[in-house]
């Protein structure tokens, strides 16, 4: 069974940090979508996704990040991915996400990306 743990933290007024642990795939993506939708409904469009605890990502997970990048950029926001483990980084690279979504090593670097 695929398990996903999500922790959220509001950073500053307009940045949400979402820590993801476990597996992000077609079964667990809807749970993450539900979490992010609450913030989108509140007109928050800057997200930091901490992937350090994410041990597996499938194409549906990559698709989620692509969709979030598109939604947030339409509203002059963005997403930043932080510290993906090597197997997750490889999948993100295979799907080409590294070309248009910043991937950084720590929270400070993510905040700097969103402050540009």
PDB file of N, CA and C in Angstrom:
ATOM      1  N   UNK A   1       0.837  -1.192   0.000  1.00  0.00           N
ATOM      2  CA  UNK A   1       0.000   0.000   0.000  1.00  0.00           C
ATOM      3  C   UNK A   1       0.879   1.252   0.000  1.00  0.00           C
ATOM      4  N   UNK A   2       0.515   2.208  -0.843  1.00  0.00           N
ATOM      5  CA  UNK A   2       1.261   3.453  -0.932  1.00  0.00           C
ATOM      6  C   UNK A   2       0.850   4.387   0.191  1.00  0.00           C
ATOM      7  N   UNK A   3       1.842   4.952   0.863  1.00  0.00           N
ATOM      8  CA  UNK A   3       1.585   5.841   1.989  1.00  0.00           C
ATOM      9  C   UNK A   3       2.242   7.181   1.701  1.00  0.00           C
ATOM     10  N   UNK A   4       1.516   8.255   2.026  1.00  0.00           N
ATOM     11  CA  UNK A   4       2.041   9.601   1.863  1.00  0.00           C
ATOM     12  C   UNK A   4       1.754  10.382   3.130  1.00  0.00           C
ATOM     13  N   UNK A   5       2.785  11.008   3.660  1.00  0.00           N
ATOM     14  CA  UNK A   5       2.625  11.889   4.805  1.00  0.00           C
ATOM     15  C   UNK A   5       2.918  13.302   4.332  1.00  0.00           C
ATOM     16  N   UNK A   6       2.051  14.234   4.719  1.00  0.00           N
ATOM     17  CA  UNK A   6       2.182  15.620   4.286  1.00  0.00           C
ATOM     18  C   UNK A   6       2.197  16.510   5.516  1.00  0.00           C
ATOM     19  N   UNK A   7       3.183  17.383   5.588  1.00  0.00           N
ATOM     20  CA  UNK A   7       3.255  18.376   6.657  1.00  0.00           C
ATOM     21  C   UNK A   7       3.342  19.742   6.007  1.00  0.00           C
ATOM     22  N   UNK A   8       2.564  20.688   6.522  1.00  0.00           N
ATOM     23  CA  UNK A   8       2.588  22.029   5.952  1.00  0.00           C
ATOM     24  C   UNK A   8       3.017  23.053   6.999  1.00  0.00           C
ATOM     25  N   UNK A   9       3.622  24.116   6.495  1.00  0.00           N
ATOM     26  CA  UNK A   9       4.077  25.210   7.344  1.00  0.00           C
ATOM     27  C   UNK A   9       3.952  26.492   6.540  1.00  0.00           C
ATOM     28  N   UNK A  10       3.302  27.478   7.122  1.00  0.00           N
ATOM     29  CA  UNK A  10       3.217  28.776   6.451  1.00  0.00           C
ATOM     30  C   UNK A  10       4.478  29.551   6.807  1.00  0.00           C
ATOM     31  N   UNK A  11       5.192  29.958   5.782  1.00  0.00           N
ATOM     32  CA  UNK A  11       6.450  30.677   5.959  1.00  0.00           C
ATOM     33  C   UNK A  11       6.234  32.070   5.396  1.00  0.00           C
ATOM     34  N   UNK A  12       6.490  33.062   6.197  1.00  0.00           N
ATOM     35  CA  UNK A  12       6.169  34.429   5.813  1.00  0.00           C
ATOM     36  C   UNK A  12       4.669  34.504   5.540  1.00  0.00           C
ATOM     37  N   UNK A  13       4.243  35.521   4.844  1.00  0.00           N
ATOM     38  CA  UNK A  13       2.809  35.640   4.575  1.00  0.00           C
ATOM     39  C   UNK A  13       2.361  34.821   3.388  1.00  0.00           C
ATOM     40  N   UNK A  14       3.267  34.680   2.427  1.00  0.00           N
ATOM     41  CA  UNK A  14       2.820  34.159   1.144  1.00  0.00           C
ATOM     42  C   UNK A  14       3.558  32.921   0.644  1.00  0.00           C
ATOM     43  N   UNK A  15       4.267  32.236   1.523  1.00  0.00           N
ATOM     44  CA  UNK A  15       4.995  31.027   1.114  1.00  0.00           C
ATOM     45  C   UNK A  15       4.544  29.851   1.984  1.00  0.00           C
ATOM     46  N   UNK A  16       4.228  28.765   1.329  1.00  0.00           N
ATOM     47  CA  UNK A  16       3.840  27.540   2.028  1.00  0.00           C
ATOM     48  C   UNK A  16       4.923  26.486   1.800  1.00  0.00           C
ATOM     49  N   UNK A  17       5.387  25.907   2.891  1.00  0.00           N
ATOM     50  CA  UNK A  17       6.332  24.795   2.804  1.00  0.00           C
ATOM     51  C   UNK A  17       5.544  23.509   3.005  1.00  0.00           C
ATOM     52  N   UNK A  18       5.692  22.589   2.084  1.00  0.00           N
ATOM     53  CA  UNK A  18       4.997  21.303   2.175  1.00  0.00           C
ATOM     54  C   UNK A  18       6.042  20.201   2.184  1.00  0.00           C
ATOM     55  N   UNK A  19       6.126  19.498   3.293  1.00  0.00           N
ATOM     56  CA  UNK A  19       7.014  18.356   3.416  1.00  0.00           C
ATOM     57  C   UNK A  19       6.273  17.103   3.000  1.00  0.00           C
ATOM     58  N   UNK A  20       6.887  16.342   2.124  1.00  0.00           N
ATOM     59  CA  UNK A  20       6.257  15.128   1.604  1.00  0.00           C
ATOM     60  C   UNK A  20       7.136  13.938   1.959  1.00  0.00           C
ATOM     61  N   UNK A  21       6.549  12.963   2.631  1.00  0.00           N
ATOM     62  CA  UNK A  21       7.264  11.730   2.983  1.00  0.00           C
ATOM     63  C   UNK A  21       6.509  10.539   2.418  1.00  0.00           C
ATOM     64  N   UNK A  22       7.254   9.590   1.889  1.00  0.00           N
ATOM     65  CA  UNK A  22       6.643   8.355   1.401  1.00  0.00           C
ATOM     66  C   UNK A  22       6.687   8.240  -0.099  1.00  0.00           C
ATOM     67  N   UNK A  23       5.539   7.915  -0.684  1.00  0.00           N
ATOM     68  CA  UNK A  23       5.415   7.646  -2.111  1.00  0.00           C
ATOM     69  C   UNK A  23       4.425   8.605  -2.739  1.00  0.00           C
ATOM     70  N   UNK A  24       4.807   9.198  -3.864  1.00  0.00           N
ATOM     71  CA  UNK A  24       3.907  10.085  -4.599  1.00  0.00           C
ATOM     72  C   UNK A  24       3.607   9.436  -5.941  1.00  0.00           C
ATOM     73  N   UNK A  25       2.391   8.926  -6.057  1.00  0.00           N
ATOM     74  CA  UNK A  25       1.983   8.228  -7.273  1.00  0.00           C
ATOM     75  C   UNK A  25       0.504   8.492  -7.532  1.00  0.00           C
ATOM     76  N   UNK A  26      -0.067   7.771  -8.456  1.00  0.00           N
ATOM     77  CA  UNK A  26      -1.461   7.973  -8.827  1.00  0.00           C
ATOM     78  C   UNK A  26      -2.445   7.792  -7.685  1.00  0.00           C
ATOM     79  N   UNK A  27      -2.088   6.993  -6.714  1.00  0.00           N
ATOM     80  CA  UNK A  27      -2.968   6.755  -5.564  1.00  0.00           C
ATOM     81  C   UNK A  27      -2.869   7.887  -4.553  1.00  0.00           C
ATOM     82  N   UNK A  28      -1.673   8.434  -4.360  1.00  0.00           N
ATOM     83  CA  UNK A  28      -1.468   9.427  -3.300  1.00  0.00           C
ATOM     84  C   UNK A  28      -1.522  10.886  -3.777  1.00  0.00           C
ATOM     85  N   UNK A  29      -1.380  11.123  -5.084  1.00  0.00           N
ATOM     86  CA  UNK A  29      -1.420  12.498  -5.598  1.00  0.00           C
ATOM     87  C   UNK A  29      -2.699  13.237  -5.201  1.00  0.00           C
ATOM     88  N   UNK A  30      -3.893  12.621  -5.265  1.00  0.00           N
ATOM     89  CA  UNK A  30      -5.103  13.361  -4.888  1.00  0.00           C
ATOM     90  C   UNK A  30      -5.050  13.950  -3.467  1.00  0.00           C
ATOM     91  N   UNK A  31      -4.397  13.268  -2.566  1.00  0.00           N
ATOM     92  CA  UNK A  31      -4.253  13.786  -1.210  1.00  0.00           C
ATOM     93  C   UNK A  31      -3.412  15.068  -1.204  1.00  0.00           C
ATOM     94  N   UNK A  32      -2.349  15.088  -1.974  1.00  0.00           N
ATOM     95  CA  UNK A  32      -1.500  16.263  -2.071  1.00  0.00           C
ATOM     96  C   UNK A  32      -2.232  17.399  -2.798  1.00  0.00           C
ATOM     97  N   UNK A  33      -2.987  17.052  -3.819  1.00  0.00           N
ATOM     98  CA  UNK A  33      -3.785  18.058  -4.533  1.00  0.00           C
ATOM     99  C   UNK A  33      -4.787  18.729  -3.600  1.00  0.00           C
ATOM    100  N   UNK A  34      -5.401  17.938  -2.762  1.00  0.00           N
ATOM    101  CA  UNK A  34      -6.374  18.471  -1.798  1.00  0.00           C
ATOM    102  C   UNK A  34      -5.693  19.452  -0.840  1.00  0.00           C
ATOM    103  N   UNK A  35      -4.499  19.113  -0.386  1.00  0.00           N
ATOM    104  CA  UNK A  35      -3.753  19.979   0.521  1.00  0.00           C
ATOM    105  C   UNK A  35      -3.393  21.294  -0.158  1.00  0.00           C
ATOM    106  N   UNK A  36      -2.859  21.229  -1.361  1.00  0.00           N
ATOM    107  CA  UNK A  36      -2.435  22.456  -2.041  1.00  0.00           C
ATOM    108  C   UNK A  36      -3.622  23.302  -2.474  1.00  0.00           C
ATOM    109  N   UNK A  37      -4.729  22.680  -2.787  1.00  0.00           N
ATOM    110  CA  UNK A  37      -5.899  23.431  -3.251  1.00  0.00           C
ATOM    111  C   UNK A  37      -6.400  24.413  -2.192  1.00  0.00           C
ATOM    112  N   UNK A  38      -6.291  24.035  -0.931  1.00  0.00           N
ATOM    113  CA  UNK A  38      -6.703  24.940   0.157  1.00  0.00           C
ATOM    114  C   UNK A  38      -5.937  26.259   0.076  1.00  0.00           C
ATOM    115  N   UNK A  39      -4.654  26.173  -0.200  1.00  0.00           N
ATOM    116  CA  UNK A  39      -3.825  27.385  -0.279  1.00  0.00           C
ATOM    117  C   UNK A  39      -4.084  28.148  -1.575  1.00  0.00           C
ATOM    118  N   UNK A  40      -4.269  27.428  -2.661  1.00  0.00           N
ATOM    119  CA  UNK A  40      -4.604  28.089  -3.918  1.00  0.00           C
ATOM    120  C   UNK A  40      -5.920  28.845  -3.784  1.00  0.00           C
ATOM    121  N   UNK A  41      -6.876  28.243  -3.093  1.00  0.00           N
ATOM    122  CA  UNK A  41      -8.162  28.913  -2.858  1.00  0.00           C
ATOM    123  C   UNK A  41      -7.989  30.194  -2.052  1.00  0.00           C
ATOM    124  N   UNK A  42      -6.978  30.231  -1.195  1.00  0.00           N
ATOM    125  CA  UNK A  42      -6.660  31.431  -0.395  1.00  0.00           C
ATOM    126  C   UNK A  42      -5.729  32.388  -1.149  1.00  0.00           C
ATOM    127  N   UNK A  43      -5.517  32.103  -2.431  1.00  0.00           N
ATOM    128  CA  UNK A  43      -4.689  32.946  -3.300  1.00  0.00           C
ATOM    129  C   UNK A  43      -3.216  33.004  -2.877  1.00  0.00           C
ATOM    130  N   UNK A  44      -2.716  31.873  -2.422  1.00  0.00           N
ATOM    131  CA  UNK A  44      -1.290  31.728  -2.132  1.00  0.00           C
ATOM    132  C   UNK A  44      -0.700  30.914  -3.273  1.00  0.00           C
ATOM    133  N   UNK A  45       0.335  31.487  -3.906  1.00  0.00           N
ATOM    134  CA  UNK A  45       0.882  30.880  -5.114  1.00  0.00           C
ATOM    135  C   UNK A  45       2.389  30.651  -5.056  1.00  0.00           C
ATOM    136  N   UNK A  46       2.957  30.610  -3.862  1.00  0.00           N
ATOM    137  CA  UNK A  46       4.378  30.300  -3.712  1.00  0.00           C
ATOM    138  C   UNK A  46       4.507  29.081  -2.807  1.00  0.00           C
ATOM    139  N   UNK A  47       5.073  28.021  -3.357  1.00  0.00           N
ATOM    140  CA  UNK A  47       5.185  26.759  -2.636  1.00  0.00           C
ATOM    141  C   UNK A  47       6.615  26.243  -2.653  1.00  0.00           C
ATOM    142  N   UNK A  48       7.032  25.753  -1.509  1.00  0.00           N
ATOM    143  CA  UNK A  48       8.289  25.020  -1.392  1.00  0.00           C
ATOM    144  C   UNK A  48       7.916  23.589  -1.042  1.00  0.00           C
ATOM    145  N   UNK A  49       8.340  22.653  -1.862  1.00  0.00           N
ATOM    146  CA  UNK A  49       8.077  21.241  -1.592  1.00  0.00           C
ATOM    147  C   UNK A  49       9.358  20.593  -1.108  1.00  0.00           C
ATOM    148  N   UNK A  50       9.375  20.200   0.165  1.00  0.00           N
ATOM    149  CA  UNK A  50      10.523  19.502   0.747  1.00  0.00           C
ATOM    150  C   UNK A  50      10.396  18.025   0.392  1.00  0.00           C
ATOM    151  N   UNK A  51      11.269  17.566  -0.488  1.00  0.00           N
ATOM    152  CA  UNK A  51      11.194  16.186  -0.977  1.00  0.00           C
ATOM    153  C   UNK A  51      12.199  15.265  -0.294  1.00  0.00           C
ATOM    154  N   UNK A  52      12.844  15.741   0.758  1.00  0.00           N
ATOM    155  CA  UNK A  52      13.887  14.933   1.404  1.00  0.00           C
ATOM    156  C   UNK A  52      13.359  13.616   1.966  1.00  0.00           C
ATOM    157  N   UNK A  53      12.077  13.548   2.273  1.00  0.00           N
ATOM    158  CA  UNK A  53      11.490  12.314   2.793  1.00  0.00           C
ATOM    159  C   UNK A  53      10.719  11.522   1.758  1.00  0.00           C
ATOM    160  N   UNK A  54      10.719  12.012   0.526  1.00  0.00           N
ATOM    161  CA  UNK A  54      10.015  11.316  -0.551  1.00  0.00           C
ATOM    162  C   UNK A  54      10.934  10.239  -1.107  1.00  0.00           C
ATOM    163  N   UNK A  55      10.516   8.971  -0.965  1.00  0.00           N
ATOM    164  CA  UNK A  55      11.401   7.897  -1.412  1.00  0.00           C
ATOM    165  C   UNK A  55      11.034   7.322  -2.778  1.00  0.00           C
ATOM    166  N   UNK A  56       9.846   7.690  -3.289  1.00  0.00           N
ATOM    167  CA  UNK A  56       9.430   7.156  -4.589  1.00  0.00           C
ATOM    168  C   UNK A  56       8.468   8.145  -5.238  1.00  0.00           C
ATOM    169  N   UNK A  57       8.674   8.374  -6.524  1.00  0.00           N
ATOM    170  CA  UNK A  57       7.760   9.231  -7.279  1.00  0.00           C
ATOM    171  C   UNK A  57       7.460   8.557  -8.610  1.00  0.00           C
ATOM    172  N   UNK A  58       6.202   8.585  -8.989  1.00  0.00           N
ATOM    173  CA  UNK A  58       5.774   8.011 -10.269  1.00  0.00           C
ATOM    174  C   UNK A  58       5.410   9.151 -11.218  1.00  0.00           C
ATOM    175  N   UNK A  59       5.019   8.810 -12.423  1.00  0.00           N
ATOM    176  CA  UNK A  59       4.690   9.829 -13.417  1.00  0.00           C
ATOM    177  C   UNK A  59       3.574  10.754 -12.945  1.00  0.00           C
ATOM    178  N   UNK A  60       2.623  10.235 -12.186  1.00  0.00           N
ATOM    179  CA  UNK A  60       1.540  11.084 -11.670  1.00  0.00           C
ATOM    180  C   UNK A  60       2.087  12.148 -10.724  1.00  0.00           C
ATOM    181  N   UNK A  61       3.111  11.815  -9.971  1.00  0.00           N
ATOM    182  CA  UNK A  61       3.743  12.784  -9.079  1.00  0.00           C
ATOM    183  C   UNK A  61       4.455  13.866  -9.858  1.00  0.00           C
ATOM    184  N   UNK A  62       5.169  13.464 -10.907  1.00  0.00           N
ATOM    185  CA  UNK A  62       5.830  14.439 -11.777  1.00  0.00           C
ATOM    186  C   UNK A  62       4.788  15.327 -12.442  1.00  0.00           C
ATOM    187  N   UNK A  63       3.695  14.742 -12.841  1.00  0.00           N
ATOM    188  CA  UNK A  63       2.603  15.509 -13.444  1.00  0.00           C
ATOM    189  C   UNK A  63       2.010  16.523 -12.475  1.00  0.00           C
ATOM    190  N   UNK A  64       1.918  16.148 -11.211  1.00  0.00           N
ATOM    191  CA  UNK A  64       1.421  17.085 -10.195  1.00  0.00           C
ATOM    192  C   UNK A  64       2.313  18.315 -10.138  1.00  0.00           C
ATOM    193  N   UNK A  65       3.622  18.122 -10.097  1.00  0.00           N
ATOM    194  CA  UNK A  65       4.534  19.267 -10.014  1.00  0.00           C
ATOM    195  C   UNK A  65       4.465  20.127 -11.272  1.00  0.00           C
ATOM    196  N   UNK A  66       4.308  19.501 -12.424  1.00  0.00           N
ATOM    197  CA  UNK A  66       4.153  20.251 -13.673  1.00  0.00           C
ATOM    198  C   UNK A  66       2.902  21.121 -13.613  1.00  0.00           C
ATOM    199  N   UNK A  67       1.814  20.534 -13.152  1.00  0.00           N
ATOM    200  CA  UNK A  67       0.555  21.268 -13.038  1.00  0.00           C
ATOM    201  C   UNK A  67       0.672  22.417 -12.040  1.00  0.00           C
ATOM    202  N   UNK A  68       1.312  22.172 -10.899  1.00  0.00           N
ATOM    203  CA  UNK A  68       1.484  23.222  -9.894  1.00  0.00           C
ATOM    204  C   UNK A  68       2.352  24.358 -10.427  1.00  0.00           C
ATOM    205  N   UNK A  69       3.375  24.032 -11.194  1.00  0.00           N
ATOM    206  CA  UNK A  69       4.231  25.068 -11.777  1.00  0.00           C
ATOM    207  C   UNK A  69       3.415  25.949 -12.720  1.00  0.00           C
ATOM    208  N   UNK A  70       2.549  25.334 -13.503  1.00  0.00           N
ATOM    209  CA  UNK A  70       1.723  26.097 -14.445  1.00  0.00           C
ATOM    210  C   UNK A  70       0.716  26.980 -13.708  1.00  0.00           C
ATOM    211  N   UNK A  71       0.036  26.417 -12.727  1.00  0.00           N
ATOM    212  CA  UNK A  71      -0.974  27.176 -11.971  1.00  0.00           C
ATOM    213  C   UNK A  71      -0.338  28.359 -11.258  1.00  0.00           C
ATOM    214  N   UNK A  72       0.761  28.115 -10.564  1.00  0.00           N
ATOM    215  CA  UNK A  72       1.368  29.187  -9.781  1.00  0.00           C
ATOM    216  C   UNK A  72       1.953  30.276 -10.678  1.00  0.00           C
ATOM    217  N   UNK A  73       2.551  29.898 -11.798  1.00  0.00           N
ATOM    218  CA  UNK A  73       3.139  30.919 -12.672  1.00  0.00           C
ATOM    219  C   UNK A  73       2.067  31.804 -13.300  1.00  0.00           C
ATOM    220  N   UNK A  74       0.880  31.269 -13.524  1.00  0.00           N
ATOM    221  CA  UNK A  74      -0.230  32.082 -14.039  1.00  0.00           C
ATOM    222  C   UNK A  74      -0.593  33.207 -13.074  1.00  0.00           C
ATOM    223  N   UNK A  75      -0.267  33.012 -11.807  1.00  0.00           N
ATOM    224  CA  UNK A  75      -0.602  33.993 -10.761  1.00  0.00           C
ATOM    225  C   UNK A  75       0.656  34.652 -10.197  1.00  0.00           C
ATOM    226  N   UNK A  76       1.726  34.667 -10.997  1.00  0.00           N
ATOM    227  CA  UNK A  76       2.997  35.299 -10.629  1.00  0.00           C
ATOM    228  C   UNK A  76       3.632  34.674  -9.388  1.00  0.00           C
ATOM    229  N   UNK A  77       3.371  33.400  -9.194  1.00  0.00           N
ATOM    230  CA  UNK A  77       4.000  32.644  -8.122  1.00  0.00           C
ATOM    231  C   UNK A  77       4.962  31.636  -8.722  1.00  0.00           C
ATOM    232  N   UNK A  78       5.326  30.642  -7.911  1.00  0.00           N
ATOM    233  CA  UNK A  78       6.254  29.607  -8.380  1.00  0.00           C
ATOM    234  C   UNK A  78       6.297  28.475  -7.370  1.00  0.00           C
ATOM    235  N   UNK A  79       6.916  27.388  -7.787  1.00  0.00           N
ATOM    236  CA  UNK A  79       7.212  26.309  -6.861  1.00  0.00           C
ATOM    237  C   UNK A  79       8.715  26.048  -6.911  1.00  0.00           C
ATOM    238  N   UNK A  80       9.229  25.559  -5.794  1.00  0.00           N
ATOM    239  CA  UNK A  80      10.632  25.157  -5.700  1.00  0.00           C
ATOM    240  C   UNK A  80      10.661  23.794  -5.020  1.00  0.00           C
ATOM    241  N   UNK A  81      11.462  22.903  -5.533  1.00  0.00           N
ATOM    242  CA  UNK A  81      11.626  21.573  -4.947  1.00  0.00           C
ATOM    243  C   UNK A  81      12.935  21.550  -4.174  1.00  0.00           C
ATOM    244  N   UNK A  82      12.879  20.994  -2.967  1.00  0.00           N
ATOM    245  CA  UNK A  82      14.053  20.993  -2.093  1.00  0.00           C
ATOM    246  C   UNK A  82      14.499  19.566  -1.807  1.00  0.00           C
ATOM    247  N   UNK A  83      15.753  19.329  -2.004  1.00  0.00           N
ATOM    248  CA  UNK A  83      16.483  18.143  -1.570  1.00  0.00           C
ATOM    249  C   UNK A  83      15.838  16.801  -1.938  1.00  0.00           C
ATOM    250  N   UNK A  84      15.567  16.578  -3.227  1.00  0.00           N
ATOM    251  CA  UNK A  84      15.072  15.246  -3.589  1.00  0.00           C
ATOM    252  C   UNK A  84      16.193  14.214  -3.453  1.00  0.00           C
ATOM    253  N   UNK A  85      15.842  13.041  -2.988  1.00  0.00           N
ATOM    254  CA  UNK A  85      16.825  11.959  -2.892  1.00  0.00           C
ATOM    255  C   UNK A  85      17.177  11.516  -4.326  1.00  0.00           C
ATOM    256  N   UNK A  86      18.341  10.895  -4.530  1.00  0.00           N
ATOM    257  CA  UNK A  86      18.781  10.563  -5.893  1.00  0.00           C
ATOM    258  C   UNK A  86      17.752   9.844  -6.780  1.00  0.00           C
ATOM    259  N   UNK A  87      17.032   8.818  -6.294  1.00  0.00           N
ATOM    260  CA  UNK A  87      16.068   8.170  -7.203  1.00  0.00           C
ATOM    261  C   UNK A  87      14.929   9.113  -7.626  1.00  0.00           C
ATOM    262  N   UNK A  88      14.512   9.996  -6.726  1.00  0.00           N
ATOM    263  CA  UNK A  88      13.450  10.952  -7.053  1.00  0.00           C
ATOM    264  C   UNK A  88      13.999  12.001  -8.020  1.00  0.00           C
ATOM    265  N   UNK A  89      15.199  12.478  -7.774  1.00  0.00           N
ATOM    266  CA  UNK A  89      15.844  13.460  -8.671  1.00  0.00           C
ATOM    267  C   UNK A  89      15.955  12.877 -10.083  1.00  0.00           C
ATOM    268  N   UNK A  90      16.283  11.596 -10.174  1.00  0.00           N
ATOM    269  CA  UNK A  90      16.407  10.942 -11.479  1.00  0.00           C
ATOM    270  C   UNK A  90      15.077  10.959 -12.232  1.00  0.00           C
ATOM    271  N   UNK A  91      13.991  10.658 -11.539  1.00  0.00           N
ATOM    272  CA  UNK A  91      12.666  10.668 -12.175  1.00  0.00           C
ATOM    273  C   UNK A  91      12.303  12.090 -12.611  1.00  0.00           C
ATOM    274  N   UNK A  92      12.572  13.077 -11.764  1.00  0.00           N
ATOM    275  CA  UNK A  92      12.297  14.469 -12.123  1.00  0.00           C
ATOM    276  C   UNK A  92      13.088  14.860 -13.370  1.00  0.00           C
ATOM    277  N   UNK A  93      14.309  14.392 -13.458  1.00  0.00           N
ATOM    278  CA  UNK A  93      15.156  14.676 -14.617  1.00  0.00           C
ATOM    279  C   UNK A  93      14.620  13.990 -15.870  1.00  0.00           C
ATOM    280  N   UNK A  94      14.205  12.741 -15.738  1.00  0.00           N
ATOM    281  CA  UNK A  94      13.660  11.987 -16.869  1.00  0.00           C
ATOM    282  C   UNK A  94      12.455  12.710 -17.467  1.00  0.00           C
ATOM    283  N   UNK A  95      11.607  13.265 -16.595  1.00  0.00           N
ATOM    284  CA  UNK A  95      10.412  13.973 -17.065  1.00  0.00           C
ATOM    285  C   UNK A  95      10.694  15.427 -17.439  1.00  0.00           C
ATOM    286  N   UNK A  96      11.931  15.864 -17.308  1.00  0.00           N
ATOM    287  CA  UNK A  96      12.312  17.200 -17.730  1.00  0.00           C
ATOM    288  C   UNK A  96      11.938  18.322 -16.788  1.00  0.00           C
ATOM    289  N   UNK A  97      11.527  18.010 -15.584  1.00  0.00           N
ATOM    290  CA  UNK A  97      11.109  19.049 -14.650  1.00  0.00           C
ATOM    291  C   UNK A  97      12.253  19.964 -14.233  1.00  0.00           C
ATOM    292  N   UNK A  98      13.455  19.446 -14.239  1.00  0.00           N
ATOM    293  CA  UNK A  98      14.605  20.233 -13.796  1.00  0.00           C
ATOM    294  C   UNK A  98      14.880  21.418 -14.726  1.00  0.00           C
ATOM    295  N   UNK A  99      14.303  21.398 -15.913  1.00  0.00           N
ATOM    296  CA  UNK A  99      14.511  22.494 -16.860  1.00  0.00           C
ATOM    297  C   UNK A  99      13.693  23.731 -16.505  1.00  0.00           C
ATOM    298  N   UNK A 100      12.547  23.550 -15.820  1.00  0.00           N
ATOM    299  CA  UNK A 100      11.700  24.710 -15.555  1.00  0.00           C
ATOM    300  C   UNK A 100      11.213  24.836 -14.114  1.00  0.00           C
ATOM    301  N   UNK A 101      11.581  23.907 -13.261  1.00  0.00           N
ATOM    302  CA  UNK A 101      11.262  24.015 -11.834  1.00  0.00           C
ATOM    303  C   UNK A 101      12.584  24.014 -11.078  1.00  0.00           C
ATOM    304  N   UNK A 102      12.840  25.062 -10.286  1.00  0.00           N
ATOM    305  CA  UNK A 102      14.088  25.085  -9.518  1.00  0.00           C
ATOM    306  C   UNK A 102      14.147  23.936  -8.507  1.00  0.00           C
ATOM    307  N   UNK A 103      15.299  23.302  -8.447  1.00  0.00           N
ATOM    308  CA  UNK A 103      15.546  22.252  -7.459  1.00  0.00           C
ATOM    309  C   UNK A 103      16.786  22.680  -6.689  1.00  0.00           C
ATOM    310  N   UNK A 104      16.628  22.855  -5.383  1.00  0.00           N
ATOM    311  CA  UNK A 104      17.712  23.378  -4.551  1.00  0.00           C
ATOM    312  C   UNK A 104      17.997  22.423  -3.400  1.00  0.00           C
ATOM    313  N   UNK A 105      19.082  22.730  -2.669  1.00  0.00           N
ATOM    314  CA  UNK A 105      19.522  21.832  -1.603  1.00  0.00           C
ATOM    315  C   UNK A 105      19.020  22.169  -0.214  1.00  0.00           C
ATOM    316  N   UNK A 106      18.495  23.387  -0.011  1.00  0.00           N
ATOM    317  CA  UNK A 106      18.026  23.721   1.333  1.00  0.00           C
ATOM    318  C   UNK A 106      16.937  24.782   1.297  1.00  0.00           C
ATOM    319  N   UNK A 107      16.321  24.977   2.435  1.00  0.00           N
ATOM    320  CA  UNK A 107      15.191  25.898   2.562  1.00  0.00           C
ATOM    321  C   UNK A 107      15.594  27.334   2.266  1.00  0.00           C
ATOM    322  N   UNK A 108      16.758  27.755   2.719  1.00  0.00           N
ATOM    323  CA  UNK A 108      17.215  29.125   2.461  1.00  0.00           C
ATOM    324  C   UNK A 108      17.313  29.396   0.963  1.00  0.00           C
ATOM    325  N   UNK A 109      17.858  28.456   0.226  1.00  0.00           N
ATOM    326  CA  UNK A 109      17.985  28.620  -1.226  1.00  0.00           C
ATOM    327  C   UNK A 109      16.600  28.671  -1.876  1.00  0.00           C
ATOM    328  N   UNK A 110      15.667  27.900  -1.344  1.00  0.00           N
ATOM    329  CA  UNK A 110      14.297  27.901  -1.876  1.00  0.00           C
ATOM    330  C   UNK A 110      13.626  29.251  -1.648  1.00  0.00           C
ATOM    331  N   UNK A 111      13.808  29.798  -0.462  1.00  0.00           N
ATOM    332  CA  UNK A 111      13.228  31.110  -0.141  1.00  0.00           C
ATOM    333  C   UNK A 111      13.819  32.174  -1.070  1.00  0.00           C
ATOM    334  N   UNK A 112      15.103  32.106  -1.325  1.00  0.00           N
ATOM    335  CA  UNK A 112      15.752  33.069  -2.232  1.00  0.00           C
ATOM    336  C   UNK A 112      15.172  32.947  -3.640  1.00  0.00           C
ATOM    337  N   UNK A 113      14.916  31.730  -4.083  1.00  0.00           N
ATOM    338  CA  UNK A 113      14.318  31.522  -5.411  1.00  0.00           C
ATOM    339  C   UNK A 113      12.949  32.195  -5.487  1.00  0.00           C
ATOM    340  N   UNK A 114      12.156  32.072  -4.437  1.00  0.00           N
ATOM    341  CA  UNK A 114      10.809  32.625  -4.454  1.00  0.00           C
ATOM    342  C   UNK A 114      10.785  34.133  -4.216  1.00  0.00           C
ATOM    343  N   UNK A 115      11.897  34.671  -3.762  1.00  0.00           N
ATOM    344  CA  UNK A 115      11.974  36.114  -3.486  1.00  0.00           C
ATOM    345  C   UNK A 115      12.463  36.913  -4.679  1.00  0.00           C
ATOM    346  N   UNK A 116      12.790  36.235  -5.772  1.00  0.00           N
ATOM    347  CA  UNK A 116      13.316  36.919  -6.969  1.00  0.00           C
ATOM    348  C   UNK A 116      12.235  37.765  -7.608  1.00  0.00           C
TER     349      UNK A 116
END
